[in-house]
Protein backbone atom coordinates (compact mmCIF):
# COMPACT_ATOMS: atom_id res chain seq x y z
CA MET A 1 -19.65 4.92 11.70
CA GLN A 2 -16.36 4.34 13.51
CA LYS A 3 -16.85 0.53 13.23
CA LEU A 4 -17.20 0.86 9.42
CA LEU A 5 -14.07 3.02 9.18
CA MET A 6 -12.07 0.57 11.29
CA ALA A 7 -13.42 -2.48 9.39
CA VAL A 8 -12.18 -1.09 6.08
CA ASP A 9 -8.86 -0.11 7.68
CA ARG A 10 -8.52 -3.69 8.98
CA LEU A 11 -9.32 -5.09 5.56
CA THR A 12 -6.81 -2.99 3.66
CA THR A 13 -4.20 -3.61 6.44
CA LEU A 14 -4.73 -7.36 6.15
CA ILE A 15 -4.53 -7.32 2.39
CA GLY A 16 -1.41 -4.98 2.57
CA ARG A 17 0.34 -7.25 5.00
CA PHE A 18 -0.45 -10.32 2.93
CA PHE A 19 0.99 -8.84 -0.26
CA ALA A 20 4.02 -7.46 1.72
CA TRP A 21 5.24 -11.05 1.74
CA ALA A 22 5.80 -10.69 -2.01
CA ILE A 23 9.04 -8.80 -1.17
CA VAL A 24 10.29 -12.05 0.56
CA VAL A 25 9.39 -14.14 -2.48
CA LEU A 26 10.88 -11.52 -4.80
CA THR A 27 14.15 -11.44 -2.76
CA LEU A 28 14.41 -15.24 -2.86
CA LEU A 29 13.66 -15.31 -6.58
CA VAL A 30 16.36 -12.70 -7.31
CA ALA A 31 18.85 -14.54 -5.09
CA TRP A 32 18.10 -17.83 -6.73
CA GLU A 33 18.36 -16.38 -10.24
CA VAL A 34 21.67 -14.72 -9.48
CA PHE A 35 23.02 -18.03 -8.04
CA SER A 36 21.61 -19.96 -10.97
CA ARG A 37 22.93 -17.61 -13.56
CA TYR A 38 26.48 -17.00 -12.26
CA PHE A 39 27.31 -20.16 -10.37
CA LEU A 40 25.37 -22.84 -12.20
CA ASN A 41 25.53 -21.10 -15.59
CA HIS A 42 21.81 -21.86 -16.06
CA PRO A 43 19.71 -18.59 -16.27
CA HIS A 44 15.88 -18.73 -16.52
CA PRO A 45 14.37 -16.66 -19.20
CA TRP A 46 11.10 -16.21 -17.28
CA ALA A 47 12.78 -14.99 -14.08
CA LEU A 48 12.92 -11.29 -14.99
CA ASP A 49 9.26 -11.25 -16.08
CA ALA A 50 8.29 -12.92 -12.79
CA GLN A 51 10.33 -10.38 -10.79
CA ILE A 52 8.70 -7.47 -12.57
CA MET A 53 5.19 -8.93 -11.99
CA LEU A 54 5.97 -9.54 -8.25
CA TYR A 55 7.26 -6.02 -7.78
CA GLY A 56 4.25 -4.53 -9.64
CA THR A 57 1.89 -6.58 -7.51
CA LEU A 58 3.63 -5.46 -4.33
CA PHE A 59 3.58 -1.83 -5.42
CA MET A 60 -0.08 -1.75 -6.54
CA MET A 61 -1.48 -3.67 -3.54
CA ALA A 62 0.34 -1.46 -1.03
CA GLY A 63 -1.54 1.72 -2.06
CA ALA A 64 -4.72 1.26 0.03
CA TYR A 65 -2.69 0.09 3.03
CA THR A 66 -0.46 3.13 2.76
CA LEU A 67 -3.42 5.45 2.47
CA ALA A 68 -5.08 3.81 5.54
CA HIS A 69 -1.92 4.49 7.63
CA GLN A 70 -1.34 7.99 6.23
CA GLY A 71 1.96 6.98 4.56
CA HIS A 72 1.62 8.84 1.29
CA VAL A 73 3.75 11.89 0.71
CA ARG A 74 2.20 15.21 1.86
CA GLY A 75 3.35 18.75 2.33
CA ASP A 76 3.26 18.55 6.11
CA VAL A 77 5.12 21.80 6.67
CA LEU A 78 1.89 23.86 6.16
CA TYR A 79 -0.69 21.13 6.48
CA GLY A 80 0.41 20.04 9.90
CA ALA A 81 0.03 23.56 11.37
CA LEU A 82 -3.60 23.82 10.36
CA LYS A 83 -6.57 23.07 12.55
CA PRO A 84 -8.20 19.66 12.00
CA ARG A 85 -11.36 21.14 10.41
CA THR A 86 -9.20 23.06 7.89
CA GLN A 87 -7.23 19.97 7.15
CA ALA A 88 -10.41 17.97 6.63
CA SER A 89 -11.79 20.64 4.34
CA ILE A 90 -8.66 20.57 2.17
CA ASP A 91 -8.62 16.75 2.13
CA LEU A 92 -12.29 16.52 1.24
CA VAL A 93 -11.88 18.91 -1.75
CA LEU A 94 -8.82 17.03 -2.93
CA TYR A 95 -10.44 13.62 -2.54
CA VAL A 96 -13.51 14.61 -4.46
CA LEU A 97 -11.84 16.65 -7.23
CA PHE A 98 -8.76 14.62 -7.90
CA TYR A 99 -8.57 11.30 -5.96
CA LEU A 100 -11.94 9.77 -6.77
CA PRO A 101 -11.89 10.58 -10.55
CA GLY A 102 -8.30 9.31 -10.82
CA VAL A 103 -9.00 6.03 -8.99
CA LEU A 104 -12.24 5.42 -10.82
CA ALA A 105 -10.37 5.91 -14.06
CA LEU A 106 -7.64 3.55 -12.91
CA THR A 107 -10.12 0.85 -11.93
CA TRP A 108 -12.26 1.17 -15.08
CA ALA A 109 -9.28 1.28 -17.44
CA GLY A 110 -7.58 -1.55 -15.48
CA TRP A 111 -10.60 -3.73 -15.72
CA THR A 112 -10.81 -3.23 -19.52
CA TYR A 113 -7.10 -3.73 -19.83
CA ALA A 114 -7.18 -6.98 -17.83
CA SER A 115 -10.35 -8.31 -19.62
CA GLU A 116 -8.74 -7.83 -23.01
CA SER A 117 -5.62 -9.54 -21.79
CA LEU A 118 -7.69 -12.53 -20.55
CA ALA A 119 -9.65 -12.70 -23.81
CA ILE A 120 -6.47 -13.38 -25.74
CA ARG A 121 -4.76 -15.36 -22.89
CA GLU A 122 -1.82 -12.88 -23.13
CA ASN A 123 1.64 -14.13 -22.24
CA THR A 124 5.02 -12.48 -21.71
CA PHE A 125 7.48 -12.22 -24.57
CA SER A 126 10.17 -14.63 -23.54
CA PRO A 127 11.36 -18.08 -24.60
CA ASP A 128 9.58 -19.50 -21.59
CA PRO A 129 6.42 -17.30 -21.50
CA LEU A 130 4.43 -16.69 -18.34
CA PRO A 131 0.70 -15.89 -18.39
CA LEU A 132 0.34 -12.12 -18.14
CA TYR A 133 -3.41 -11.77 -17.76
CA PRO A 134 -3.58 -12.78 -13.99
CA PHE A 135 -1.04 -10.00 -13.28
CA LYS A 136 -3.11 -7.42 -15.13
CA PHE A 137 -6.15 -8.16 -12.85
CA VAL A 138 -4.05 -6.72 -10.00
CA ILE A 139 -4.75 -3.22 -11.51
CA PRO A 140 -8.52 -3.22 -11.00
CA ALA A 141 -8.25 -5.06 -7.72
CA ALA A 142 -5.83 -2.38 -6.39
CA GLY A 143 -8.04 0.25 -7.78
CA PHE A 144 -11.07 -1.16 -5.97
CA LEU A 145 -9.21 -1.20 -2.67
CA LEU A 146 -8.00 2.38 -3.25
CA LEU A 147 -11.56 3.37 -4.07
CA LEU A 148 -12.92 1.69 -0.88
CA GLN A 149 -10.21 3.24 1.31
CA GLY A 150 -10.72 6.65 -0.36
CA VAL A 151 -14.42 6.59 0.54
CA VAL A 152 -13.47 5.80 4.13
CA GLU A 153 -11.10 8.81 4.11
CA ILE A 154 -13.91 10.99 2.79
CA LEU A 155 -16.13 9.79 5.66
CA ARG A 156 -13.27 10.58 8.05
CA CYS A 157 -13.17 14.12 6.65
CA ALA A 158 -16.92 14.51 7.19
CA VAL A 159 -16.65 13.26 10.78
CA CYS A 160 -13.80 15.67 11.44
CA LEU A 161 -15.73 18.60 9.96
CA ARG A 162 -18.69 17.66 12.25
CA LEU A 163 -16.67 17.05 15.44
CA GLY A 164 -13.62 19.17 15.02
CA SER A 165 -11.18 16.32 15.54
CA TRP A 166 -10.05 13.43 13.49
CA PRO A 167 -11.57 10.06 14.22
CA ALA A 168 -9.29 7.27 15.55
CA ARG A 169 -7.26 5.23 13.17
CA MET A 170 -5.98 1.72 13.36
CA LYS A 171 -2.38 1.55 14.66
CA ASP A 172 0.23 -0.49 12.85
CA VAL A 173 3.98 -0.51 12.50
CA GLU A 174 5.15 3.10 12.50
CA GLU A 175 8.48 4.87 12.21
CA ILE A 176 9.89 5.91 15.54
CA ASP A 177 11.64 9.16 16.23
CA LEU A 178 15.31 8.75 17.09
CA GLU A 179 14.97 10.76 20.36
CA GLU A 180 11.94 8.69 21.35
CA LEU A 181 13.97 5.54 20.72
CA LYS A 182 16.90 6.81 22.90
CA ALA A 183 14.50 7.60 25.67
CA MET A 184 13.01 4.10 25.50
CA VAL A 185 16.46 2.51 25.64
CA ARG A 186 17.44 4.77 28.46
CA ASP A 187 14.25 3.88 30.45
CA ASN A 188 14.85 0.16 29.90
CA GLY A 189 18.44 0.46 31.04
CA GLU A 190 17.43 2.32 34.24
CA ALA A 191 14.70 -0.30 34.91
CA ALA A 192 17.30 -3.05 34.54
CA GLU A 193 19.71 -1.35 36.96
CA ASN A 194 16.98 -0.98 39.58
CA ARG A 195 16.08 -4.64 39.59
CA PRO A 196 17.50 -6.69 42.54
């Protein structure tokens, strides 16, 4: 079971990291458009549409990654003080009652929305139109990844209810506590002073 949980975590992390590079592309595109518009006096009508699509893709494809690494907003004040089995019970109820129906609706509606857009070869409304239908397929793709990660989170809840502790998660880049950072710097400084 743990191998399955970690395999899905690795998949969503890999996809999340890949789409995180969209922020670099987006930053370069915005910088180029600002330079082109204000210094070369040559704006591109399609640039705003491309920026919106890149940002939307980044936002949508980060959802499953964020869920895998417990990055979504949660009321930790009360939740963090509860025992793992109580946390798992609450999570399980919320996943089944709210998360799964919402993500299933997103995926289904997104697929319909994208298919209709493909059928008419929908483009953006600009003097230099961009194809819009590839971007709309990001919605069901993101929904599928969220659904897959949600099933894994439900399985984690079941394991926690059975064992009384949360199963291991894949580690990735995490925020660090300021005091922890100071201690690390202090330890490295002391180690450097003690070297001959």
